[in-house]
């Protein structure tokens, strides 16, 4: 994601003295550390549902003494409540790919745990300089829920996750259409596969035609 932003610097000049960044799928906080190094006055809201990844996210923020960061242990969804999170879980696990969608996260050897869920629209009642959406197969559901608020978002990074199992509920074409109808220009490129999934998932990815596409989106 950070490499993609570097490729499109003209789209990523944050407006205002204390711009708001919302990071959905913050994992352990690498993107947060990068953003606060670039824009120290930015305010950041981070969402991460995986309990172990969230623990490391909070530690990274605390130990680096980073102000202006709010960490929320929840999955961003199109409803408020609770749902199972599927994937590789536990201390030392590779949380990449953990998902509320069993079609993406429930693979051989996966575990599940109940996590809190929040609607993203509650957080888009204000201007947002940058929104990162890396939520492992739930992108279309969330973007549909927030579609009427996207005019408040200056720029976005969306990572779209598709498999043959998700084609009816998470489609790159429908996601791009939603973003364009909200007035956004959308640039896309496939995510380079050696970096896209942990190596143990390679066979699963080939079996289900797993694809990840990076979208850089911005208001004209």
N, C-alpha and C. Protein backbone atom coordinates (compact mmCIF):
# COMPACT_ATOMS: atom_id res chain seq x y z
N UNK A 1 0.84 -1.20 0.00
CA UNK A 1 0.00 0.00 0.00
C UNK A 1 0.87 1.25 0.00
N UNK A 2 1.92 1.25 0.83
CA UNK A 2 2.80 2.42 0.88
C UNK A 2 3.51 2.60 -0.44
N UNK A 3 3.92 1.49 -1.07
CA UNK A 3 4.55 1.59 -2.39
C UNK A 3 3.58 2.20 -3.40
N UNK A 4 2.31 1.81 -3.34
CA UNK A 4 1.31 2.35 -4.27
C UNK A 4 1.15 3.85 -4.07
N UNK A 5 1.12 4.31 -2.83
CA UNK A 5 0.99 5.74 -2.56
C UNK A 5 2.18 6.51 -3.13
N UNK A 6 3.38 5.94 -3.01
CA UNK A 6 4.56 6.59 -3.56
C UNK A 6 4.47 6.72 -5.07
N UNK A 7 3.75 5.81 -5.73
CA UNK A 7 3.60 5.88 -7.18
C UNK A 7 2.64 6.98 -7.60
N UNK A 8 1.81 7.48 -6.67
CA UNK A 8 0.80 8.47 -7.02
C UNK A 8 0.87 9.66 -6.07
N UNK A 9 2.03 10.30 -5.96
CA UNK A 9 2.17 11.36 -4.95
C UNK A 9 1.26 12.55 -5.18
N UNK A 10 0.91 12.87 -6.43
CA UNK A 10 0.08 14.04 -6.68
C UNK A 10 -1.34 13.84 -6.16
N UNK A 11 -1.73 12.59 -5.93
CA UNK A 11 -3.07 12.32 -5.41
C UNK A 11 -3.09 12.36 -3.89
N UNK A 12 -1.95 12.51 -3.28
CA UNK A 12 -1.85 12.23 -1.86
C UNK A 12 -1.28 13.40 -1.08
N UNK A 13 -1.64 14.61 -1.49
CA UNK A 13 -1.29 15.79 -0.71
C UNK A 13 -2.46 16.09 0.22
N UNK A 14 -2.29 15.78 1.49
CA UNK A 14 -3.40 15.92 2.42
C UNK A 14 -3.72 17.39 2.67
N UNK A 15 -5.01 17.71 2.65
CA UNK A 15 -5.45 19.09 2.84
C UNK A 15 -5.67 19.37 4.32
N UNK A 16 -5.40 20.62 4.72
CA UNK A 16 -5.66 21.06 6.09
C UNK A 16 -4.46 20.89 7.00
N UNK A 17 -4.53 21.55 8.16
CA UNK A 17 -3.42 21.50 9.11
C UNK A 17 -3.40 20.21 9.92
N UNK A 18 -4.57 19.62 10.18
CA UNK A 18 -4.64 18.38 10.95
C UNK A 18 -5.60 17.41 10.25
N UNK A 19 -5.22 16.92 9.05
CA UNK A 19 -6.12 16.07 8.27
C UNK A 19 -6.43 14.76 9.00
N UNK A 20 -7.61 14.23 8.69
CA UNK A 20 -8.06 12.97 9.29
C UNK A 20 -7.80 11.81 8.33
N UNK A 21 -7.14 10.78 8.83
CA UNK A 21 -6.92 9.54 8.10
C UNK A 21 -7.67 8.43 8.83
N UNK A 22 -8.38 7.59 8.08
CA UNK A 22 -9.05 6.44 8.65
C UNK A 22 -8.44 5.19 8.04
N UNK A 23 -7.94 4.32 8.90
CA UNK A 23 -7.23 3.11 8.47
C UNK A 23 -8.07 1.90 8.84
N UNK A 24 -8.72 1.30 7.86
CA UNK A 24 -9.55 0.13 8.09
C UNK A 24 -8.76 -1.11 7.70
N UNK A 25 -8.43 -1.91 8.69
CA UNK A 25 -7.54 -3.03 8.50
C UNK A 25 -6.11 -2.61 8.80
N UNK A 26 -5.91 -2.05 10.00
CA UNK A 26 -4.61 -1.44 10.34
C UNK A 26 -3.54 -2.47 10.65
N UNK A 27 -3.93 -3.73 10.94
CA UNK A 27 -2.99 -4.78 11.29
C UNK A 27 -2.13 -4.31 12.47
N UNK A 28 -0.81 -4.35 12.39
CA UNK A 28 0.03 -3.98 13.53
C UNK A 28 0.48 -2.53 13.49
N UNK A 29 0.03 -1.76 12.47
CA UNK A 29 0.26 -0.32 12.50
C UNK A 29 1.40 0.20 11.64
N UNK A 30 1.88 -0.59 10.68
CA UNK A 30 2.98 -0.12 9.83
C UNK A 30 2.56 1.14 9.05
N UNK A 31 1.34 1.13 8.51
CA UNK A 31 0.89 2.30 7.75
C UNK A 31 0.73 3.51 8.66
N UNK A 32 0.28 3.28 9.90
CA UNK A 32 0.13 4.40 10.84
C UNK A 32 1.48 5.05 11.12
N UNK A 33 2.49 4.23 11.36
CA UNK A 33 3.83 4.77 11.62
C UNK A 33 4.32 5.59 10.42
N UNK A 34 4.07 5.11 9.22
CA UNK A 34 4.48 5.83 8.01
C UNK A 34 3.76 7.17 7.90
N UNK A 35 2.44 7.15 8.10
CA UNK A 35 1.67 8.39 7.95
C UNK A 35 2.06 9.43 8.99
N UNK A 36 2.26 9.00 10.23
CA UNK A 36 2.60 9.98 11.27
C UNK A 36 4.02 10.51 11.10
N UNK A 37 4.88 9.74 10.43
CA UNK A 37 6.20 10.27 10.10
C UNK A 37 6.10 11.33 9.00
N UNK A 38 5.21 11.12 8.05
CA UNK A 38 5.04 12.06 6.94
C UNK A 38 4.25 13.30 7.37
N UNK A 39 3.18 13.06 8.11
CA UNK A 39 2.26 14.14 8.49
C UNK A 39 2.04 14.09 10.00
N UNK A 40 2.96 14.61 10.79
CA UNK A 40 2.87 14.49 12.25
C UNK A 40 1.59 15.05 12.85
N UNK A 41 0.97 16.04 12.19
CA UNK A 41 -0.23 16.66 12.75
C UNK A 41 -1.51 15.93 12.36
N UNK A 42 -1.41 14.91 11.51
CA UNK A 42 -2.60 14.17 11.09
C UNK A 42 -3.21 13.44 12.28
N UNK A 43 -4.54 13.35 12.26
CA UNK A 43 -5.26 12.51 13.21
C UNK A 43 -5.59 11.20 12.50
N UNK A 44 -5.41 10.09 13.21
CA UNK A 44 -5.61 8.78 12.60
C UNK A 44 -6.56 7.96 13.46
N UNK A 45 -7.57 7.38 12.82
CA UNK A 45 -8.45 6.40 13.45
C UNK A 45 -8.15 5.05 12.83
N UNK A 46 -7.77 4.08 13.66
CA UNK A 46 -7.39 2.75 13.18
C UNK A 46 -8.42 1.71 13.61
N UNK A 47 -8.80 0.85 12.69
CA UNK A 47 -9.66 -0.29 12.99
C UNK A 47 -8.89 -1.58 12.74
N UNK A 48 -8.89 -2.47 13.72
CA UNK A 48 -8.28 -3.79 13.55
C UNK A 48 -9.03 -4.79 14.43
N UNK A 49 -9.63 -5.82 13.83
CA UNK A 49 -10.43 -6.76 14.61
C UNK A 49 -9.65 -7.91 15.23
N UNK A 50 -8.53 -8.31 14.64
CA UNK A 50 -7.79 -9.46 15.14
C UNK A 50 -7.17 -9.12 16.50
N UNK A 51 -7.48 -9.87 17.56
CA UNK A 51 -7.03 -9.49 18.91
C UNK A 51 -5.51 -9.39 19.04
N UNK A 52 -4.78 -10.32 18.45
CA UNK A 52 -3.32 -10.30 18.59
C UNK A 52 -2.69 -9.20 17.76
N UNK A 53 -3.20 -8.99 16.55
CA UNK A 53 -2.70 -7.88 15.74
C UNK A 53 -3.02 -6.55 16.41
N UNK A 54 -4.22 -6.46 17.01
CA UNK A 54 -4.59 -5.21 17.69
C UNK A 54 -3.68 -4.93 18.87
N UNK A 55 -3.31 -5.96 19.61
CA UNK A 55 -2.40 -5.77 20.75
C UNK A 55 -1.07 -5.17 20.28
N UNK A 56 -0.55 -5.66 19.15
CA UNK A 56 0.71 -5.13 18.62
C UNK A 56 0.53 -3.73 18.05
N UNK A 57 -0.64 -3.47 17.46
CA UNK A 57 -0.94 -2.13 16.97
C UNK A 57 -0.87 -1.12 18.13
N UNK A 58 -1.54 -1.43 19.23
CA UNK A 58 -1.50 -0.53 20.38
C UNK A 58 -0.08 -0.37 20.93
N UNK A 59 0.67 -1.47 20.99
CA UNK A 59 2.04 -1.38 21.48
C UNK A 59 2.90 -0.49 20.58
N UNK A 60 2.72 -0.61 19.27
CA UNK A 60 3.50 0.21 18.34
C UNK A 60 3.19 1.70 18.53
N UNK A 61 1.93 2.02 18.75
CA UNK A 61 1.55 3.41 18.96
C UNK A 61 2.10 3.93 20.29
N UNK A 62 1.97 3.12 21.35
CA UNK A 62 2.42 3.55 22.68
C UNK A 62 3.94 3.66 22.75
N UNK A 63 4.63 2.65 22.29
CA UNK A 63 6.09 2.62 22.44
C UNK A 63 6.79 3.63 21.55
N UNK A 64 6.13 4.02 20.45
CA UNK A 64 6.70 5.08 19.61
C UNK A 64 6.18 6.46 20.01
N UNK A 65 5.36 6.49 21.08
CA UNK A 65 4.86 7.75 21.64
C UNK A 65 4.23 8.63 20.57
N UNK A 66 3.24 8.04 19.87
CA UNK A 66 2.61 8.72 18.73
C UNK A 66 1.30 9.35 19.20
N UNK A 67 1.18 10.66 19.17
CA UNK A 67 -0.07 11.31 19.55
C UNK A 67 -1.06 11.32 18.38
N UNK A 68 -2.33 11.58 18.70
CA UNK A 68 -3.33 11.78 17.65
C UNK A 68 -3.78 10.52 16.97
N UNK A 69 -3.59 9.35 17.60
CA UNK A 69 -4.00 8.07 17.00
C UNK A 69 -5.01 7.41 17.92
N UNK A 70 -6.15 7.04 17.38
CA UNK A 70 -7.19 6.32 18.11
C UNK A 70 -7.30 4.91 17.55
N UNK A 71 -7.10 3.90 18.36
CA UNK A 71 -7.16 2.52 17.93
C UNK A 71 -8.47 1.88 18.39
N UNK A 72 -9.20 1.29 17.47
CA UNK A 72 -10.50 0.69 17.77
C UNK A 72 -10.44 -0.80 17.41
N UNK A 73 -10.69 -1.65 18.41
CA UNK A 73 -10.65 -3.09 18.17
C UNK A 73 -12.01 -3.54 17.62
N UNK A 74 -12.14 -3.43 16.32
CA UNK A 74 -13.39 -3.78 15.65
C UNK A 74 -13.13 -3.96 14.17
N UNK A 75 -13.99 -4.74 13.55
CA UNK A 75 -14.00 -4.87 12.09
C UNK A 75 -14.92 -3.81 11.52
N UNK A 76 -14.53 -3.22 10.41
CA UNK A 76 -15.41 -2.30 9.69
C UNK A 76 -16.33 -3.13 8.80
N UNK A 77 -17.63 -2.92 8.98
CA UNK A 77 -18.62 -3.70 8.24
C UNK A 77 -19.78 -2.80 7.85
N UNK A 78 -20.86 -3.41 7.36
CA UNK A 78 -22.07 -2.66 7.04
C UNK A 78 -23.15 -2.87 8.10
N UNK A 79 -22.75 -3.30 9.30
CA UNK A 79 -23.69 -3.45 10.41
C UNK A 79 -22.93 -3.30 11.72
N UNK A 80 -23.67 -3.03 12.78
CA UNK A 80 -23.12 -3.00 14.13
C UNK A 80 -23.47 -4.30 14.84
N UNK A 81 -22.49 -4.88 15.51
CA UNK A 81 -22.76 -6.12 16.22
C UNK A 81 -21.51 -6.96 16.37
N UNK A 82 -21.67 -8.26 16.21
CA UNK A 82 -20.56 -9.20 16.36
C UNK A 82 -20.63 -10.22 15.23
N UNK A 83 -19.46 -10.76 14.85
CA UNK A 83 -19.40 -11.77 13.79
C UNK A 83 -18.10 -12.56 13.95
N UNK A 84 -18.04 -13.78 13.41
CA UNK A 84 -16.80 -14.54 13.48
C UNK A 84 -15.76 -14.01 12.50
N UNK A 85 -14.51 -13.95 12.95
CA UNK A 85 -13.36 -13.62 12.13
C UNK A 85 -12.60 -14.91 11.86
N UNK A 86 -12.39 -15.21 10.57
CA UNK A 86 -11.74 -16.45 10.18
C UNK A 86 -10.29 -16.19 9.76
N UNK A 87 -9.41 -17.16 10.00
CA UNK A 87 -8.05 -17.03 9.51
C UNK A 87 -7.01 -17.64 10.43
N UNK A 88 -5.77 -17.20 10.22
CA UNK A 88 -4.63 -17.67 11.00
C UNK A 88 -4.52 -16.79 12.23
N UNK A 89 -4.77 -17.34 13.39
CA UNK A 89 -4.91 -16.53 14.60
C UNK A 89 -4.04 -17.06 15.72
N UNK A 90 -3.74 -16.18 16.69
CA UNK A 90 -2.93 -16.53 17.83
C UNK A 90 -1.63 -15.78 17.82
N UNK A 91 -0.90 -15.84 18.94
CA UNK A 91 0.37 -15.14 19.07
C UNK A 91 1.35 -15.67 18.02
N UNK A 92 1.94 -14.75 17.26
CA UNK A 92 2.89 -15.14 16.22
C UNK A 92 2.27 -15.54 14.91
N UNK A 93 0.93 -15.50 14.82
CA UNK A 93 0.26 -15.89 13.57
C UNK A 93 0.40 -14.80 12.52
N UNK A 94 0.27 -15.19 11.26
CA UNK A 94 0.26 -14.25 10.15
C UNK A 94 -1.18 -13.83 9.90
N UNK A 95 -1.54 -12.63 10.38
CA UNK A 95 -2.94 -12.19 10.34
C UNK A 95 -3.37 -11.66 8.98
N UNK A 96 -2.43 -11.57 8.01
CA UNK A 96 -2.84 -11.15 6.68
C UNK A 96 -3.90 -12.11 6.15
N UNK A 97 -4.98 -11.57 5.65
CA UNK A 97 -6.02 -12.41 5.08
C UNK A 97 -7.08 -12.85 6.05
N UNK A 98 -6.94 -12.53 7.33
CA UNK A 98 -8.02 -12.85 8.27
C UNK A 98 -9.25 -12.03 7.90
N UNK A 99 -10.39 -12.67 7.87
CA UNK A 99 -11.56 -12.04 7.25
C UNK A 99 -12.86 -12.46 7.91
N UNK A 100 -13.83 -11.53 7.87
CA UNK A 100 -15.20 -11.87 8.25
C UNK A 100 -15.85 -12.76 7.21
N UNK A 101 -15.32 -12.75 6.00
CA UNK A 101 -15.89 -13.55 4.92
C UNK A 101 -15.25 -14.93 4.92
N UNK A 102 -16.01 -15.98 5.22
CA UNK A 102 -15.41 -17.32 5.21
C UNK A 102 -14.87 -17.71 3.85
N UNK A 103 -15.42 -17.12 2.78
CA UNK A 103 -14.93 -17.44 1.43
C UNK A 103 -13.48 -17.01 1.24
N UNK A 104 -13.02 -16.06 2.07
CA UNK A 104 -11.63 -15.61 1.97
C UNK A 104 -10.79 -16.11 3.14
N UNK A 105 -11.33 -16.07 4.35
CA UNK A 105 -10.51 -16.35 5.52
C UNK A 105 -10.57 -17.77 6.04
N UNK A 106 -11.58 -18.55 5.65
CA UNK A 106 -11.76 -19.89 6.21
C UNK A 106 -11.09 -20.91 5.30
N UNK A 107 -9.79 -21.14 5.54
CA UNK A 107 -9.01 -22.09 4.76
C UNK A 107 -8.61 -23.27 5.65
N UNK A 108 -7.96 -24.27 5.08
CA UNK A 108 -7.50 -25.41 5.87
C UNK A 108 -6.58 -24.94 6.98
N UNK A 109 -6.89 -25.32 8.20
CA UNK A 109 -6.09 -24.91 9.34
C UNK A 109 -6.51 -23.59 9.96
N UNK A 110 -7.53 -22.93 9.41
CA UNK A 110 -7.99 -21.65 9.95
C UNK A 110 -8.70 -21.84 11.28
N UNK A 111 -8.69 -20.78 12.08
CA UNK A 111 -9.49 -20.73 13.30
C UNK A 111 -10.51 -19.60 13.14
N UNK A 112 -11.40 -19.47 14.12
CA UNK A 112 -12.33 -18.34 14.12
C UNK A 112 -12.49 -17.81 15.53
N UNK A 113 -12.77 -16.52 15.62
CA UNK A 113 -13.04 -15.90 16.91
C UNK A 113 -14.10 -14.82 16.71
N UNK A 114 -14.92 -14.60 17.69
CA UNK A 114 -15.97 -13.58 17.61
C UNK A 114 -15.36 -12.20 17.80
N UNK A 115 -15.67 -11.26 16.90
CA UNK A 115 -15.14 -9.90 17.01
C UNK A 115 -16.27 -8.89 16.88
N UNK A 116 -16.00 -7.69 17.40
CA UNK A 116 -16.98 -6.60 17.30
C UNK A 116 -16.94 -6.00 15.91
N UNK A 117 -18.09 -5.56 15.43
CA UNK A 117 -18.22 -4.96 14.10
C UNK A 117 -18.85 -3.58 14.22
N UNK A 118 -18.38 -2.66 13.37
CA UNK A 118 -18.94 -1.30 13.34
C UNK A 118 -19.17 -0.85 11.91
N UNK A 119 -20.26 -0.11 11.72
CA UNK A 119 -20.52 0.51 10.42
C UNK A 119 -19.54 1.68 10.21
N UNK A 120 -18.97 1.75 9.02
CA UNK A 120 -18.03 2.83 8.72
C UNK A 120 -18.72 4.17 8.57
N UNK A 121 -19.98 4.18 8.16
CA UNK A 121 -20.67 5.44 7.88
C UNK A 121 -20.69 6.38 9.08
N UNK A 122 -20.65 5.82 10.29
CA UNK A 122 -20.66 6.66 11.50
C UNK A 122 -19.43 7.56 11.56
N UNK A 123 -18.36 7.15 10.90
CA UNK A 123 -17.10 7.88 10.97
C UNK A 123 -16.88 8.78 9.76
N UNK A 124 -17.83 8.78 8.83
CA UNK A 124 -17.72 9.62 7.64
C UNK A 124 -18.70 10.79 7.68
N UNK A 125 -19.04 11.23 8.88
CA UNK A 125 -19.89 12.40 9.04
C UNK A 125 -19.05 13.67 9.08
N UNK A 126 -17.78 13.57 8.76
CA UNK A 126 -16.83 14.68 8.76
C UNK A 126 -15.92 14.50 7.56
N UNK A 127 -15.16 15.54 7.22
CA UNK A 127 -14.24 15.44 6.10
C UNK A 127 -13.09 14.49 6.44
N UNK A 128 -12.77 13.62 5.49
CA UNK A 128 -11.70 12.64 5.67
C UNK A 128 -10.67 12.86 4.56
N UNK A 129 -9.41 13.09 4.95
CA UNK A 129 -8.37 13.34 3.96
C UNK A 129 -8.00 12.06 3.22
N UNK A 130 -7.92 10.96 3.96
CA UNK A 130 -7.52 9.71 3.32
C UNK A 130 -8.18 8.55 4.04
N UNK A 131 -8.71 7.61 3.25
CA UNK A 131 -9.36 6.42 3.78
C UNK A 131 -8.67 5.20 3.18
N UNK A 132 -8.15 4.34 4.04
CA UNK A 132 -7.57 3.07 3.60
C UNK A 132 -8.56 1.96 3.92
N UNK A 133 -8.87 1.14 2.93
CA UNK A 133 -9.84 0.06 3.10
C UNK A 133 -9.18 -1.24 2.63
N UNK A 134 -8.68 -1.99 3.59
CA UNK A 134 -8.04 -3.28 3.32
C UNK A 134 -8.67 -4.29 4.26
N UNK A 135 -9.87 -4.77 3.90
CA UNK A 135 -10.70 -5.53 4.83
C UNK A 135 -11.06 -6.91 4.29
N UNK A 136 -10.22 -7.44 3.43
CA UNK A 136 -10.21 -8.86 3.11
C UNK A 136 -11.55 -9.42 2.65
N UNK A 137 -12.10 -8.82 1.60
CA UNK A 137 -13.30 -9.38 0.98
C UNK A 137 -14.61 -8.74 1.34
N UNK A 138 -14.59 -7.77 2.26
CA UNK A 138 -15.83 -7.08 2.66
C UNK A 138 -15.94 -5.70 2.04
N UNK A 139 -15.11 -5.40 1.02
CA UNK A 139 -15.04 -4.04 0.49
C UNK A 139 -16.36 -3.59 -0.13
N UNK A 140 -16.98 -4.44 -0.94
CA UNK A 140 -18.20 -4.02 -1.62
C UNK A 140 -19.33 -3.72 -0.64
N UNK A 141 -19.48 -4.56 0.37
CA UNK A 141 -20.54 -4.35 1.37
C UNK A 141 -20.33 -3.02 2.10
N UNK A 142 -19.10 -2.73 2.49
CA UNK A 142 -18.83 -1.50 3.22
C UNK A 142 -18.99 -0.28 2.33
N UNK A 143 -18.47 -0.34 1.11
CA UNK A 143 -18.59 0.81 0.22
C UNK A 143 -20.03 1.09 -0.16
N UNK A 144 -20.84 0.06 -0.27
CA UNK A 144 -22.27 0.28 -0.53
C UNK A 144 -22.93 0.98 0.65
N UNK A 145 -22.51 0.63 1.86
CA UNK A 145 -23.09 1.24 3.06
C UNK A 145 -22.70 2.71 3.20
N UNK A 146 -21.51 3.09 2.72
CA UNK A 146 -21.03 4.47 2.89
C UNK A 146 -21.12 5.29 1.61
N UNK A 147 -21.74 4.75 0.55
CA UNK A 147 -21.70 5.39 -0.76
C UNK A 147 -22.12 6.86 -0.72
N UNK A 148 -23.15 7.19 0.05
CA UNK A 148 -23.65 8.56 0.07
C UNK A 148 -22.73 9.51 0.83
N UNK A 149 -21.74 8.97 1.53
CA UNK A 149 -20.81 9.81 2.30
C UNK A 149 -19.44 9.96 1.63
N UNK A 150 -19.22 9.29 0.50
CA UNK A 150 -17.89 9.28 -0.10
C UNK A 150 -17.47 10.64 -0.65
N UNK A 151 -18.42 11.56 -0.82
CA UNK A 151 -18.04 12.90 -1.27
C UNK A 151 -17.25 13.65 -0.21
N UNK A 152 -17.23 13.14 1.03
CA UNK A 152 -16.47 13.76 2.11
C UNK A 152 -15.04 13.23 2.19
N UNK A 153 -14.71 12.27 1.34
CA UNK A 153 -13.39 11.64 1.37
C UNK A 153 -12.54 12.19 0.23
N UNK A 154 -11.39 12.74 0.57
CA UNK A 154 -10.51 13.35 -0.42
C UNK A 154 -9.83 12.30 -1.30
N UNK A 155 -9.30 11.24 -0.69
CA UNK A 155 -8.60 10.20 -1.44
C UNK A 155 -8.72 8.88 -0.70
N UNK A 156 -8.58 7.77 -1.44
CA UNK A 156 -8.74 6.45 -0.86
C UNK A 156 -7.72 5.48 -1.45
N UNK A 157 -7.36 4.49 -0.63
CA UNK A 157 -6.70 3.28 -1.10
C UNK A 157 -7.64 2.14 -0.76
N UNK A 158 -8.03 1.36 -1.77
CA UNK A 158 -8.89 0.20 -1.56
C UNK A 158 -8.18 -1.02 -2.13
N UNK A 159 -8.07 -2.06 -1.32
CA UNK A 159 -7.55 -3.33 -1.83
C UNK A 159 -8.73 -4.27 -1.97
N UNK A 160 -9.01 -4.66 -3.20
CA UNK A 160 -10.16 -5.50 -3.52
C UNK A 160 -9.72 -6.96 -3.54
N UNK A 161 -10.46 -7.81 -2.84
CA UNK A 161 -10.16 -9.23 -2.74
C UNK A 161 -11.26 -10.01 -3.45
N UNK A 162 -10.88 -10.83 -4.40
CA UNK A 162 -11.85 -11.60 -5.17
C UNK A 162 -11.42 -13.07 -5.24
N UNK A 163 -12.41 -13.96 -5.21
CA UNK A 163 -12.20 -15.36 -5.54
C UNK A 163 -13.43 -15.83 -6.29
N UNK A 164 -13.37 -17.05 -6.81
CA UNK A 164 -14.57 -17.59 -7.46
C UNK A 164 -15.71 -17.73 -6.46
N UNK A 165 -15.40 -17.85 -5.17
CA UNK A 165 -16.43 -17.98 -4.15
C UNK A 165 -17.07 -16.65 -3.79
N UNK A 166 -16.38 -15.54 -4.06
CA UNK A 166 -16.85 -14.20 -3.68
C UNK A 166 -17.48 -13.42 -4.83
N UNK A 167 -17.57 -14.01 -6.01
CA UNK A 167 -17.94 -13.24 -7.19
C UNK A 167 -19.32 -12.60 -7.08
N UNK A 168 -20.23 -13.18 -6.29
CA UNK A 168 -21.57 -12.62 -6.17
C UNK A 168 -21.66 -11.52 -5.12
N UNK A 169 -20.63 -11.39 -4.26
CA UNK A 169 -20.72 -10.43 -3.16
C UNK A 169 -19.58 -9.42 -3.11
N UNK A 170 -18.51 -9.65 -3.85
CA UNK A 170 -17.38 -8.71 -3.80
C UNK A 170 -16.72 -8.66 -5.18
N UNK A 171 -17.18 -7.72 -5.99
CA UNK A 171 -16.76 -7.63 -7.39
C UNK A 171 -15.98 -6.35 -7.63
N UNK A 172 -14.81 -6.46 -8.26
CA UNK A 172 -14.01 -5.29 -8.62
C UNK A 172 -14.81 -4.33 -9.49
N UNK A 173 -15.52 -4.84 -10.47
CA UNK A 173 -16.28 -3.97 -11.38
C UNK A 173 -17.35 -3.18 -10.63
N UNK A 174 -18.09 -3.84 -9.74
CA UNK A 174 -19.13 -3.14 -9.01
C UNK A 174 -18.54 -2.12 -8.03
N UNK A 175 -17.39 -2.46 -7.43
CA UNK A 175 -16.73 -1.53 -6.52
C UNK A 175 -16.28 -0.28 -7.26
N UNK A 176 -15.66 -0.46 -8.41
CA UNK A 176 -15.22 0.70 -9.20
C UNK A 176 -16.42 1.55 -9.60
N UNK A 177 -17.51 0.90 -9.98
CA UNK A 177 -18.72 1.66 -10.35
C UNK A 177 -19.22 2.49 -9.18
N UNK A 178 -19.24 1.93 -7.98
CA UNK A 178 -19.67 2.67 -6.79
C UNK A 178 -18.78 3.89 -6.56
N UNK A 179 -17.47 3.72 -6.68
CA UNK A 179 -16.53 4.81 -6.46
C UNK A 179 -16.68 5.89 -7.53
N UNK A 180 -16.84 5.50 -8.77
CA UNK A 180 -16.98 6.48 -9.84
C UNK A 180 -18.30 7.24 -9.74
N UNK A 181 -19.36 6.57 -9.32
CA UNK A 181 -20.64 7.26 -9.14
C UNK A 181 -20.56 8.27 -7.99
N UNK A 182 -19.61 8.07 -7.08
CA UNK A 182 -19.39 9.03 -5.99
C UNK A 182 -18.47 10.17 -6.43
N UNK A 183 -18.10 10.20 -7.69
CA UNK A 183 -17.30 11.31 -8.22
C UNK A 183 -15.81 11.10 -8.16
N UNK A 184 -15.36 9.87 -7.87
CA UNK A 184 -13.94 9.62 -7.73
C UNK A 184 -13.32 9.13 -9.04
N UNK A 185 -12.10 9.59 -9.28
CA UNK A 185 -11.26 9.01 -10.32
C UNK A 185 -10.57 7.80 -9.70
N UNK A 186 -10.52 6.69 -10.46
CA UNK A 186 -9.99 5.44 -9.93
C UNK A 186 -8.86 4.94 -10.81
N UNK A 187 -7.70 4.72 -10.21
CA UNK A 187 -6.56 4.09 -10.87
C UNK A 187 -6.41 2.70 -10.27
N UNK A 188 -6.15 1.69 -11.10
CA UNK A 188 -6.08 0.33 -10.58
C UNK A 188 -4.86 -0.41 -11.12
N UNK A 189 -4.38 -1.34 -10.31
CA UNK A 189 -3.33 -2.26 -10.76
C UNK A 189 -3.42 -3.53 -9.93
N UNK A 190 -3.11 -4.68 -10.55
CA UNK A 190 -3.10 -5.92 -9.77
C UNK A 190 -2.01 -5.88 -8.72
N UNK A 191 -2.29 -6.44 -7.57
CA UNK A 191 -1.26 -6.54 -6.55
C UNK A 191 -0.31 -7.66 -6.93
N UNK A 192 0.98 -7.39 -6.90
CA UNK A 192 1.98 -8.36 -7.30
C UNK A 192 1.88 -9.60 -6.43
N UNK A 193 1.59 -10.74 -7.02
CA UNK A 193 1.20 -11.92 -6.27
C UNK A 193 2.20 -12.42 -5.22
N UNK A 194 3.53 -12.40 -5.45
CA UNK A 194 4.42 -12.87 -4.39
C UNK A 194 4.26 -12.11 -3.07
N UNK A 195 3.72 -10.88 -3.12
CA UNK A 195 3.49 -10.11 -1.90
C UNK A 195 2.04 -10.18 -1.44
N UNK A 196 1.17 -10.81 -2.21
CA UNK A 196 -0.25 -10.68 -1.97
C UNK A 196 -0.78 -11.61 -0.88
N UNK A 197 -0.27 -12.83 -0.82
CA UNK A 197 -0.76 -13.80 0.13
C UNK A 197 0.41 -14.52 0.79
N UNK A 198 0.27 -14.91 2.06
CA UNK A 198 1.31 -15.73 2.68
C UNK A 198 1.55 -17.01 1.88
N UNK A 199 2.77 -17.47 1.83
CA UNK A 199 3.14 -18.60 0.99
C UNK A 199 2.31 -19.85 1.23
N UNK A 200 1.96 -20.18 2.47
CA UNK A 200 1.15 -21.40 2.67
C UNK A 200 -0.20 -21.37 1.97
N UNK A 201 -0.65 -20.19 1.54
CA UNK A 201 -1.95 -20.10 0.87
C UNK A 201 -1.86 -20.24 -0.64
N UNK A 202 -0.68 -20.45 -1.16
CA UNK A 202 -0.50 -20.42 -2.61
C UNK A 202 -1.42 -21.41 -3.32
N UNK A 203 -1.48 -22.64 -2.80
CA UNK A 203 -2.32 -23.64 -3.44
C UNK A 203 -3.79 -23.26 -3.34
N UNK A 204 -4.21 -22.77 -2.15
CA UNK A 204 -5.59 -22.31 -1.98
C UNK A 204 -5.90 -21.19 -2.97
N UNK A 205 -4.96 -20.25 -3.13
CA UNK A 205 -5.17 -19.13 -4.05
C UNK A 205 -5.35 -19.59 -5.48
N UNK A 206 -4.55 -20.56 -5.90
CA UNK A 206 -4.69 -21.07 -7.27
C UNK A 206 -6.00 -21.83 -7.44
N UNK A 207 -6.38 -22.58 -6.41
CA UNK A 207 -7.60 -23.38 -6.49
C UNK A 207 -8.84 -22.51 -6.65
N UNK A 208 -8.85 -21.34 -5.97
CA UNK A 208 -10.05 -20.50 -5.97
C UNK A 208 -9.86 -19.20 -6.76
N UNK A 209 -8.79 -19.13 -7.56
CA UNK A 209 -8.54 -17.95 -8.39
C UNK A 209 -8.55 -16.68 -7.55
N UNK A 210 -7.76 -16.68 -6.46
CA UNK A 210 -7.70 -15.52 -5.57
C UNK A 210 -6.97 -14.37 -6.25
N UNK A 211 -7.60 -13.20 -6.23
CA UNK A 211 -7.04 -12.02 -6.89
C UNK A 211 -7.13 -10.82 -5.94
N UNK A 212 -6.10 -9.98 -5.97
CA UNK A 212 -6.12 -8.75 -5.20
C UNK A 212 -5.76 -7.60 -6.13
N UNK A 213 -6.56 -6.55 -6.07
CA UNK A 213 -6.36 -5.39 -6.93
C UNK A 213 -6.29 -4.14 -6.08
N UNK A 214 -5.26 -3.32 -6.32
CA UNK A 214 -5.10 -2.06 -5.59
C UNK A 214 -5.78 -0.93 -6.36
N UNK A 215 -6.61 -0.16 -5.65
CA UNK A 215 -7.25 1.00 -6.24
C UNK A 215 -6.77 2.26 -5.52
N UNK A 216 -6.29 3.22 -6.28
CA UNK A 216 -6.01 4.56 -5.76
C UNK A 216 -7.12 5.44 -6.29
N UNK A 217 -7.85 6.10 -5.39
CA UNK A 217 -9.06 6.85 -5.75
C UNK A 217 -8.94 8.26 -5.19
N UNK A 218 -9.43 9.24 -5.94
CA UNK A 218 -9.35 10.61 -5.46
C UNK A 218 -10.45 11.44 -6.10
N UNK A 219 -10.86 12.46 -5.38
CA UNK A 219 -11.88 13.38 -5.89
C UNK A 219 -11.25 14.33 -6.89
N UNK A 220 -11.93 14.55 -8.01
CA UNK A 220 -11.45 15.49 -9.03
C UNK A 220 -11.49 16.92 -8.49
